[in-house]
Every structure is written in C-alpha cells, then in structure tokens.
C-alpha cells in the first residue's frame, strides 16, 4: 500500500505495456481529508488470480497534480 504525496517525472530507457488487470477505486474521508484509493488486482497469469495486488492513495493535492499531468499529456 502507498499514499502518494508527490509525483516526480522519471524517464526510463526501457518501457513496455503491461497486461490489463481489474482496477477499482474508492473515495473516502478520514480526519476531514478526502482521498481516492485505486486498487489493482492480480493478472490471470499470477499464482493468486484476482487477489488485490496494489493499493495507491491520493490526497487532494496529489490528485490535483495527477489531473494536471493527465491533462498535459493526454489533453483536457
């Protein structure tokens, strides 16, 4: 699990497109702060198929930064 507070660009020498997996999201509030949580689930080739494999949480500031990056790279 991870809570994102800052996004930094890193250009890699090697990139590849991964296999599609199931992804869900949850919006919740804790201590008067709102969060979006994104969960991904194991691919069909994994030992434990369909099991939650990664959780990423964004607070409002990180979500706004992510939105700005998405608009910049993919258009509004």
PDB file of N, CA and C in Angstrom:
ATOM      1  N   UNK A   1       0.843  -1.172   0.000  1.00  0.00           N
ATOM      2  CA  UNK A   1       0.000   0.000   0.000  1.00  0.00           C
ATOM      3  C   UNK A   1       0.888   1.234   0.000  1.00  0.00           C
ATOM      4  N   UNK A   2       0.376   2.293  -0.596  1.00  0.00           N
ATOM      5  CA  UNK A   2       1.145   3.526  -0.662  1.00  0.00           C
ATOM      6  C   UNK A   2       0.210   4.723  -0.718  1.00  0.00           C
ATOM      7  N   UNK A   3       0.612   5.802  -0.055  1.00  0.00           N
ATOM      8  CA  UNK A   3      -0.115   7.069  -0.151  1.00  0.00           C
ATOM      9  C   UNK A   3       0.803   8.052  -0.845  1.00  0.00           C
ATOM     10  N   UNK A   4       0.353   8.561  -1.983  1.00  0.00           N
ATOM     11  CA  UNK A   4       1.155   9.458  -2.799  1.00  0.00           C
ATOM     12  C   UNK A   4       1.007  10.885  -2.279  1.00  0.00           C
ATOM     13  N   UNK A   5       2.131  11.542  -2.036  1.00  0.00           N
ATOM     14  CA  UNK A   5       2.123  12.948  -1.655  1.00  0.00           C
ATOM     15  C   UNK A   5       2.787  13.817  -2.718  1.00  0.00           C
ATOM     16  N   UNK A   6       3.662  13.218  -3.519  1.00  0.00           N
ATOM     17  CA  UNK A   6       4.395  13.975  -4.523  1.00  0.00           C
ATOM     18  C   UNK A   6       4.594  13.107  -5.753  1.00  0.00           C
ATOM     19  N   UNK A   7       4.488  13.702  -6.916  1.00  0.00           N
ATOM     20  CA  UNK A   7       4.732  12.999  -8.168  1.00  0.00           C
ATOM     21  C   UNK A   7       5.971  13.593  -8.822  1.00  0.00           C
ATOM     22  N   UNK A   8       6.912  12.746  -9.202  1.00  0.00           N
ATOM     23  CA  UNK A   8       8.128  13.185  -9.870  1.00  0.00           C
ATOM     24  C   UNK A   8       8.261  12.446 -11.190  1.00  0.00           C
ATOM     25  N   UNK A   9       8.639  13.163 -12.236  1.00  0.00           N
ATOM     26  CA  UNK A   9       8.823  12.535 -13.535  1.00  0.00           C
ATOM     27  C   UNK A   9      10.148  11.781 -13.563  1.00  0.00           C
ATOM     28  N   UNK A  10      10.119  10.591 -14.128  1.00  0.00           N
ATOM     29  CA  UNK A  10      11.318   9.784 -14.330  1.00  0.00           C
ATOM     30  C   UNK A  10      11.227   9.189 -15.724  1.00  0.00           C
ATOM     31  N   UNK A  11      12.149   9.539 -16.594  1.00  0.00           N
ATOM     32  CA  UNK A  11      12.186   8.984 -17.946  1.00  0.00           C
ATOM     33  C   UNK A  11      13.040   7.734 -17.933  1.00  0.00           C
ATOM     34  N   UNK A  12      12.442   6.610 -18.320  1.00  0.00           N
ATOM     35  CA  UNK A  12      13.126   5.318 -18.314  1.00  0.00           C
ATOM     36  C   UNK A  12      13.670   4.991 -19.696  1.00  0.00           C
ATOM     37  N   UNK A  13      14.739   4.213 -19.738  1.00  0.00           N
ATOM     38  CA  UNK A  13      15.309   3.777 -21.008  1.00  0.00           C
ATOM     39  C   UNK A  13      14.455   2.700 -21.661  1.00  0.00           C
ATOM     40  N   UNK A  14      13.867   1.847 -20.837  1.00  0.00           N
ATOM     41  CA  UNK A  14      13.062   0.742 -21.361  1.00  0.00           C
ATOM     42  C   UNK A  14      11.651   0.849 -20.789  1.00  0.00           C
ATOM     43  N   UNK A  15      10.670   0.736 -21.656  1.00  0.00           N
ATOM     44  CA  UNK A  15       9.263   0.737 -21.257  1.00  0.00           C
ATOM     45  C   UNK A  15       8.554  -0.387 -21.983  1.00  0.00           C
ATOM     46  N   UNK A  16       7.489  -0.893 -21.366  1.00  0.00           N
ATOM     47  CA  UNK A  16       6.669  -1.894 -22.034  1.00  0.00           C
ATOM     48  C   UNK A  16       5.237  -1.754 -21.532  1.00  0.00           C
ATOM     49  N   UNK A  17       4.297  -2.153 -22.359  1.00  0.00           N
ATOM     50  CA  UNK A  17       2.890  -2.111 -21.986  1.00  0.00           C
ATOM     51  C   UNK A  17       2.575  -3.393 -21.233  1.00  0.00           C
ATOM     52  N   UNK A  18       1.950  -3.256 -20.076  1.00  0.00           N
ATOM     53  CA  UNK A  18       1.620  -4.405 -19.241  1.00  0.00           C
ATOM     54  C   UNK A  18       0.280  -5.018 -19.628  1.00  0.00           C
ATOM     55  N   UNK A  19       0.051  -6.219 -19.148  1.00  0.00           N
ATOM     56  CA  UNK A  19      -1.216  -6.922 -19.355  1.00  0.00           C
ATOM     57  C   UNK A  19      -2.333  -6.188 -18.608  1.00  0.00           C
ATOM     58  N   UNK A  20      -3.530  -6.075 -19.199  1.00  0.00           N
ATOM     59  CA  UNK A  20      -4.628  -5.414 -18.494  1.00  0.00           C
ATOM     60  C   UNK A  20      -5.048  -6.202 -17.250  1.00  0.00           C
ATOM     61  N   UNK A  21      -5.432  -5.491 -16.216  1.00  0.00           N
ATOM     62  CA  UNK A  21      -5.920  -6.097 -14.982  1.00  0.00           C
ATOM     63  C   UNK A  21      -7.168  -5.355 -14.516  1.00  0.00           C
ATOM     64  N   UNK A  22      -7.881  -5.947 -13.588  1.00  0.00           N
ATOM     65  CA  UNK A  22      -9.041  -5.306 -12.978  1.00  0.00           C
ATOM     66  C   UNK A  22      -8.547  -4.172 -12.079  1.00  0.00           C
ATOM     67  N   UNK A  23      -9.284  -3.074 -12.082  1.00  0.00           N
ATOM     68  CA  UNK A  23      -8.925  -1.916 -11.260  1.00  0.00           C
ATOM     69  C   UNK A  23     -10.208  -1.329 -10.673  1.00  0.00           C
ATOM     70  N   UNK A  24     -10.176  -1.013  -9.385  1.00  0.00           N
ATOM     71  CA  UNK A  24     -11.322  -0.386  -8.732  1.00  0.00           C
ATOM     72  C   UNK A  24     -10.849   0.879  -8.018  1.00  0.00           C
ATOM     73  N   UNK A  25     -11.801   1.738  -7.693  1.00  0.00           N
ATOM     74  CA  UNK A  25     -11.443   2.920  -6.913  1.00  0.00           C
ATOM     75  C   UNK A  25     -12.473   3.155  -5.827  1.00  0.00           C
ATOM     76  N   UNK A  26     -12.043   3.807  -4.780  1.00  0.00           N
ATOM     77  CA  UNK A  26     -12.871   4.142  -3.630  1.00  0.00           C
ATOM     78  C   UNK A  26     -12.583   5.587  -3.257  1.00  0.00           C
ATOM     79  N   UNK A  27     -13.621   6.322  -2.894  1.00  0.00           N
ATOM     80  CA  UNK A  27     -13.465   7.671  -2.365  1.00  0.00           C
ATOM     81  C   UNK A  27     -13.847   7.604  -0.894  1.00  0.00           C
ATOM     82  N   UNK A  28     -12.977   8.137  -0.021  1.00  0.00           N
ATOM     83  CA  UNK A  28     -13.311   8.116   1.399  1.00  0.00           C
ATOM     84  C   UNK A  28     -12.735   9.339   2.098  1.00  0.00           C
ATOM     85  N   UNK A  29     -13.276   9.617   3.271  1.00  0.00           N
ATOM     86  CA  UNK A  29     -12.825  10.733   4.088  1.00  0.00           C
ATOM     87  C   UNK A  29     -12.327  10.202   5.417  1.00  0.00           C
ATOM     88  N   UNK A  30     -11.180  10.709   5.840  1.00  0.00           N
ATOM     89  CA  UNK A  30     -10.630  10.353   7.148  1.00  0.00           C
ATOM     90  C   UNK A  30      -9.996  11.609   7.741  1.00  0.00           C
ATOM     91  N   UNK A  31     -10.287  11.883   9.005  1.00  0.00           N
ATOM     92  CA  UNK A  31      -9.768  13.079   9.672  1.00  0.00           C
ATOM     93  C   UNK A  31     -10.050  14.337   8.850  1.00  0.00           C
ATOM     94  N   UNK A  32     -11.260  14.406   8.296  1.00  0.00           N
ATOM     95  CA  UNK A  32     -11.725  15.549   7.500  1.00  0.00           C
ATOM     96  C   UNK A  32     -10.920  15.784   6.226  1.00  0.00           C
ATOM     97  N   UNK A  33     -10.180  14.772   5.760  1.00  0.00           N
ATOM     98  CA  UNK A  33      -9.464  14.850   4.496  1.00  0.00           C
ATOM     99  C   UNK A  33     -10.039  13.801   3.553  1.00  0.00           C
ATOM    100  N   UNK A  34     -10.198  14.180   2.295  1.00  0.00           N
ATOM    101  CA  UNK A  34     -10.778  13.278   1.297  1.00  0.00           C
ATOM    102  C   UNK A  34      -9.652  12.604   0.511  1.00  0.00           C
ATOM    103  N   UNK A  35      -9.843  11.336   0.211  1.00  0.00           N
ATOM    104  CA  UNK A  35      -8.858  10.539  -0.509  1.00  0.00           C
ATOM    105  C   UNK A  35      -9.528   9.756  -1.629  1.00  0.00           C
ATOM    106  N   UNK A  36      -8.751   9.473  -2.675  1.00  0.00           N
ATOM    107  CA  UNK A  36      -9.154   8.485  -3.674  1.00  0.00           C
ATOM    108  C   UNK A  36      -8.158   7.338  -3.554  1.00  0.00           C
ATOM    109  N   UNK A  37      -8.679   6.135  -3.502  1.00  0.00           N
ATOM    110  CA  UNK A  37      -7.840   4.937  -3.409  1.00  0.00           C
ATOM    111  C   UNK A  37      -8.069   4.104  -4.659  1.00  0.00           C
ATOM    112  N   UNK A  38      -6.979   3.736  -5.317  1.00  0.00           N
ATOM    113  CA  UNK A  38      -7.030   2.913  -6.524  1.00  0.00           C
ATOM    114  C   UNK A  38      -6.405   1.568  -6.199  1.00  0.00           C
ATOM    115  N   UNK A  39      -7.155   0.501  -6.473  1.00  0.00           N
ATOM    116  CA  UNK A  39      -6.689  -0.860  -6.213  1.00  0.00           C
ATOM    117  C   UNK A  39      -6.584  -1.616  -7.528  1.00  0.00           C
ATOM    118  N   UNK A  40      -5.478  -2.314  -7.724  1.00  0.00           N
ATOM    119  CA  UNK A  40      -5.358  -3.211  -8.867  1.00  0.00           C
ATOM    120  C   UNK A  40      -5.324  -4.647  -8.364  1.00  0.00           C
ATOM    121  N   UNK A  41      -5.716  -5.561  -9.235  1.00  0.00           N
ATOM    122  CA  UNK A  41      -5.854  -6.971  -8.868  1.00  0.00           C
ATOM    123  C   UNK A  41      -4.992  -7.828  -9.781  1.00  0.00           C
ATOM    124  N   UNK A  42      -4.556  -8.952  -9.263  1.00  0.00           N
ATOM    125  CA  UNK A  42      -3.643  -9.831  -9.975  1.00  0.00           C
ATOM    126  C   UNK A  42      -4.125 -10.210 -11.361  1.00  0.00           C
ATOM    127  N   UNK A  43      -3.182 -10.300 -12.284  1.00  0.00           N
ATOM    128  CA  UNK A  43      -3.499 -10.703 -13.656  1.00  0.00           C
ATOM    129  C   UNK A  43      -3.843 -12.186 -13.699  1.00  0.00           C
ATOM    130  N   UNK A  44      -4.352 -12.609 -14.831  1.00  0.00           N
ATOM    131  CA  UNK A  44      -4.743 -14.013 -14.990  1.00  0.00           C
ATOM    132  C   UNK A  44      -3.548 -14.954 -14.961  1.00  0.00           C
ATOM    133  N   UNK A  45      -2.336 -14.407 -15.147  1.00  0.00           N
ATOM    134  CA  UNK A  45      -1.144 -15.260 -15.139  1.00  0.00           C
ATOM    135  C   UNK A  45      -0.512 -15.377 -13.748  1.00  0.00           C
ATOM    136  N   UNK A  46      -1.050 -14.666 -12.763  1.00  0.00           N
ATOM    137  CA  UNK A  46      -0.490 -14.724 -11.413  1.00  0.00           C
ATOM    138  C   UNK A  46      -0.942 -15.971 -10.670  1.00  0.00           C
ATOM    139  N   UNK A  47      -0.172 -16.336  -9.673  1.00  0.00           N
ATOM    140  CA  UNK A  47      -0.495 -17.502  -8.854  1.00  0.00           C
ATOM    141  C   UNK A  47      -1.845 -17.317  -8.161  1.00  0.00           C
ATOM    142  N   UNK A  48      -2.073 -16.151  -7.557  1.00  0.00           N
ATOM    143  CA  UNK A  48      -3.331 -15.856  -6.866  1.00  0.00           C
ATOM    144  C   UNK A  48      -4.152 -14.908  -7.737  1.00  0.00           C
ATOM    145  N   UNK A  49      -4.845 -15.473  -8.698  1.00  0.00           N
ATOM    146  CA  UNK A  49      -5.613 -14.690  -9.661  1.00  0.00           C
ATOM    147  C   UNK A  49      -6.709 -13.876  -8.968  1.00  0.00           C
ATOM    148  N   UNK A  50      -6.826 -12.618  -9.374  1.00  0.00           N
ATOM    149  CA  UNK A  50      -7.891 -11.769  -8.867  1.00  0.00           C
ATOM    150  C   UNK A  50      -7.668 -11.200  -7.483  1.00  0.00           C
ATOM    151  N   UNK A  51      -6.578 -11.548  -6.829  1.00  0.00           N
ATOM    152  CA  UNK A  51      -6.277 -11.025  -5.492  1.00  0.00           C
ATOM    153  C   UNK A  51      -5.740  -9.600  -5.615  1.00  0.00           C
ATOM    154  N   UNK A  52      -6.132  -8.731  -4.676  1.00  0.00           N
ATOM    155  CA  UNK A  52      -5.648  -7.353  -4.702  1.00  0.00           C
ATOM    156  C   UNK A  52      -4.126  -7.364  -4.640  1.00  0.00           C
ATOM    157  N   UNK A  53      -3.497  -6.643  -5.566  1.00  0.00           N
ATOM    158  CA  UNK A  53      -2.039  -6.669  -5.605  1.00  0.00           C
ATOM    159  C   UNK A  53      -1.412  -5.326  -5.272  1.00  0.00           C
ATOM    160  N   UNK A  54      -2.134  -4.236  -5.500  1.00  0.00           N
ATOM    161  CA  UNK A  54      -1.541  -2.938  -5.211  1.00  0.00           C
ATOM    162  C   UNK A  54      -2.623  -1.940  -4.860  1.00  0.00           C
ATOM    163  N   UNK A  55      -2.348  -1.106  -3.862  1.00  0.00           N
ATOM    164  CA  UNK A  55      -3.252  -0.047  -3.436  1.00  0.00           C
ATOM    165  C   UNK A  55      -2.475   1.259  -3.425  1.00  0.00           C
ATOM    166  N   UNK A  56      -3.032   2.273  -4.088  1.00  0.00           N
ATOM    167  CA  UNK A  56      -2.406   3.591  -4.124  1.00  0.00           C
ATOM    168  C   UNK A  56      -3.448   4.616  -3.691  1.00  0.00           C
ATOM    169  N   UNK A  57      -3.091   5.466  -2.750  1.00  0.00           N
ATOM    170  CA  UNK A  57      -3.995   6.501  -2.259  1.00  0.00           C
ATOM    171  C   UNK A  57      -3.450   7.880  -2.632  1.00  0.00           C
ATOM    172  N   UNK A  58      -4.378   8.778  -3.017  1.00  0.00           N
ATOM    173  CA  UNK A  58      -4.043  10.161  -3.328  1.00  0.00           C
ATOM    174  C   UNK A  58      -4.880  11.074  -2.442  1.00  0.00           C
ATOM    175  N   UNK A  59      -4.219  12.045  -1.789  1.00  0.00           N
ATOM    176  CA  UNK A  59      -4.985  13.080  -1.113  1.00  0.00           C
ATOM    177  C   UNK A  59      -5.340  14.132  -2.168  1.00  0.00           C
ATOM    178  N   UNK A  60      -6.009  15.198  -1.759  1.00  0.00           N
ATOM    179  CA  UNK A  60      -6.484  16.182  -2.725  1.00  0.00           C
ATOM    180  C   UNK A  60      -5.343  16.816  -3.513  1.00  0.00           C
ATOM    181  N   UNK A  61      -4.276  17.216  -2.838  1.00  0.00           N
ATOM    182  CA  UNK A  61      -3.161  17.875  -3.522  1.00  0.00           C
ATOM    183  C   UNK A  61      -2.515  16.956  -4.563  1.00  0.00           C
ATOM    184  N   UNK A  62      -2.294  15.704  -4.208  1.00  0.00           N
ATOM    185  CA  UNK A  62      -1.679  14.759  -5.149  1.00  0.00           C
ATOM    186  C   UNK A  62      -2.627  14.445  -6.302  1.00  0.00           C
ATOM    187  N   UNK A  63      -3.924  14.357  -6.024  1.00  0.00           N
ATOM    188  CA  UNK A  63      -4.916  14.094  -7.073  1.00  0.00           C
ATOM    189  C   UNK A  63      -4.966  15.257  -8.065  1.00  0.00           C
ATOM    190  N   UNK A  64      -4.884  16.477  -7.558  1.00  0.00           N
ATOM    191  CA  UNK A  64      -4.876  17.652  -8.434  1.00  0.00           C
ATOM    192  C   UNK A  64      -3.639  17.642  -9.323  1.00  0.00           C
ATOM    193  N   UNK A  65      -2.486  17.299  -8.749  1.00  0.00           N
ATOM    194  CA  UNK A  65      -1.253  17.211  -9.538  1.00  0.00           C
ATOM    195  C   UNK A  65      -1.364  16.128 -10.608  1.00  0.00           C
ATOM    196  N   UNK A  66      -1.918  14.973 -10.248  1.00  0.00           N
ATOM    197  CA  UNK A  66      -2.114  13.892 -11.218  1.00  0.00           C
ATOM    198  C   UNK A  66      -3.034  14.358 -12.339  1.00  0.00           C
ATOM    199  N   UNK A  67      -4.105  15.045 -11.999  1.00  0.00           N
ATOM    200  CA  UNK A  67      -5.029  15.548 -13.020  1.00  0.00           C
ATOM    201  C   UNK A  67      -4.316  16.515 -13.962  1.00  0.00           C
ATOM    202  N   UNK A  68      -3.492  17.399 -13.421  1.00  0.00           N
ATOM    203  CA  UNK A  68      -2.735  18.339 -14.252  1.00  0.00           C
ATOM    204  C   UNK A  68      -1.810  17.592 -15.212  1.00  0.00           C
ATOM    205  N   UNK A  69      -1.149  16.557 -14.709  1.00  0.00           N
ATOM    206  CA  UNK A  69      -0.263  15.760 -15.567  1.00  0.00           C
ATOM    207  C   UNK A  69      -1.037  15.054 -16.670  1.00  0.00           C
ATOM    208  N   UNK A  70      -2.196  14.484 -16.324  1.00  0.00           N
ATOM    209  CA  UNK A  70      -3.017  13.795 -17.319  1.00  0.00           C
ATOM    210  C   UNK A  70      -3.518  14.761 -18.383  1.00  0.00           C
ATOM    211  N   UNK A  71      -3.964  15.952 -17.962  1.00  0.00           N
ATOM    212  CA  UNK A  71      -4.401  16.970 -18.935  1.00  0.00           C
ATOM    213  C   UNK A  71      -3.259  17.393 -19.835  1.00  0.00           C
ATOM    214  N   UNK A  72      -2.083  17.557 -19.258  1.00  0.00           N
ATOM    215  CA  UNK A  72      -0.900  17.979 -20.032  1.00  0.00           C
ATOM    216  C   UNK A  72      -0.499  16.922 -21.048  1.00  0.00           C
ATOM    217  N   UNK A  73      -0.505  15.660 -20.656  1.00  0.00           N
ATOM    218  CA  UNK A  73      -0.022  14.587 -21.531  1.00  0.00           C
ATOM    219  C   UNK A  73      -1.069  14.038 -22.506  1.00  0.00           C
ATOM    220  N   UNK A  74      -2.347  14.080 -22.113  1.00  0.00           N
ATOM    221  CA  UNK A  74      -3.396  13.483 -22.935  1.00  0.00           C
ATOM    222  C   UNK A  74      -4.442  14.481 -23.401  1.00  0.00           C
ATOM    223  N   UNK A  75      -4.338  15.726 -22.983  1.00  0.00           N
ATOM    224  CA  UNK A  75      -5.319  16.745 -23.356  1.00  0.00           C
ATOM    225  C   UNK A  75      -6.468  16.775 -22.384  1.00  0.00           C
ATOM    226  N   UNK A  76      -7.128  17.940 -22.323  1.00  0.00           N
ATOM    227  CA  UNK A  76      -8.231  18.143 -21.377  1.00  0.00           C
ATOM    228  C   UNK A  76      -9.468  17.378 -21.775  1.00  0.00           C
TER     229      UNK A  76
END
